[in-house]
Amino acid sequence: MTDTTTKAPAYLVYMVRDGKEDDQGYWMKVGAAFRHKDGKGINIVLDALPIDGRLIVRQYEPKKKQSTL
């Protein structure tokens, strides 16, 4: 079972538009997904709803804090 006590999202949601021929796609973060306490589902919270492109859900990986020493 996964840790459900954290308020951090389990996944981030991106809207991706394909680039022109050799260009990479354009990724824009549009939301997050949170695991249910029972571990059997997720809630997806979107800040925007794309009218074109596709939605990609990627596992959230917090950035490591850099030492200020």
Protein backbone atom coordinates (compact mmCIF):
# COMPACT_ATOMS: atom_id res chain seq x y z
CA MET A 1 0.00 0.00 0.00
CA THR A 2 1.25 3.49 -0.77
CA ASP A 3 1.54 6.42 1.64
CA THR A 4 -1.67 8.43 1.46
CA THR A 5 -0.91 10.83 4.33
CA THR A 6 0.98 13.29 2.14
CA LYS A 7 -0.77 16.17 0.42
CA ALA A 8 1.60 15.97 -2.53
CA PRO A 9 0.01 14.75 -5.75
CA ALA A 10 0.70 11.22 -6.96
CA TYR A 11 0.74 12.44 -10.58
CA LEU A 12 0.91 15.67 -12.56
CA VAL A 13 -1.33 16.23 -15.59
CA TYR A 14 -0.01 17.93 -18.73
CA MET A 15 -1.59 19.05 -21.98
CA VAL A 16 0.73 18.27 -24.88
CA ARG A 17 0.55 19.73 -28.37
CA ASP A 18 2.65 18.15 -31.06
CA GLY A 19 5.38 20.32 -32.53
CA LYS A 20 5.97 20.82 -36.21
CA GLU A 21 7.78 17.96 -37.95
CA ASP A 22 11.17 18.00 -36.15
CA ASP A 23 10.13 20.06 -33.11
CA GLN A 24 9.39 18.57 -29.74
CA GLY A 25 5.89 18.84 -28.36
CA TYR A 26 4.81 21.73 -26.14
CA TRP A 27 3.99 20.57 -22.57
CA MET A 28 1.87 22.70 -20.23
CA LYS A 29 0.95 21.59 -16.70
CA VAL A 30 -2.83 21.71 -16.32
CA GLY A 31 -3.49 19.76 -13.12
CA ALA A 32 -2.65 17.04 -10.65
CA ALA A 33 -3.98 13.67 -9.50
CA PHE A 34 -4.28 12.49 -5.90
CA ARG A 35 -4.67 8.91 -4.65
CA HIS A 36 -7.75 7.93 -2.68
CA LYS A 37 -7.13 6.96 0.94
CA ASP A 38 -8.13 3.37 0.22
CA GLY A 39 -5.63 3.21 -2.68
CA LYS A 40 -8.31 2.10 -5.16
CA GLY A 41 -8.66 5.25 -7.23
CA ILE A 42 -7.50 8.80 -7.89
CA ASN A 43 -9.02 12.27 -8.06
CA ILE A 44 -7.89 14.35 -11.01
CA VAL A 45 -7.98 18.11 -10.46
CA LEU A 46 -7.62 20.23 -13.60
CA ASP A 47 -6.83 23.95 -13.66
CA ALA A 48 -7.55 24.09 -17.39
CA LEU A 49 -9.34 21.91 -19.89
CA PRO A 50 -7.62 21.73 -23.26
CA ILE A 51 -9.68 21.92 -26.41
CA ASP A 52 -6.91 20.41 -28.50
CA GLY A 53 -3.79 18.39 -27.84
CA ARG A 54 -3.74 15.42 -25.51
CA LEU A 55 -3.59 14.86 -21.75
CA ILE A 56 -0.56 13.10 -20.28
CA VAL A 57 -0.48 11.90 -16.66
CA ARG A 58 3.03 11.50 -15.24
CA GLN A 59 4.18 10.31 -11.83
CA TYR A 60 5.04 13.23 -9.53
CA GLU A 61 8.69 13.39 -8.49
CA PRO A 62 9.45 16.20 -6.03
CA LYS A 63 12.56 18.22 -6.81
CA LYS A 64 15.38 17.69 -4.37
CA LYS A 65 16.21 20.73 -2.25
CA GLN A 66 19.67 22.11 -2.84
CA SER A 67 21.92 22.71 0.10
CA THR A 68 22.68 26.38 0.78
CA LEU A 69 26.01 25.68 2.52
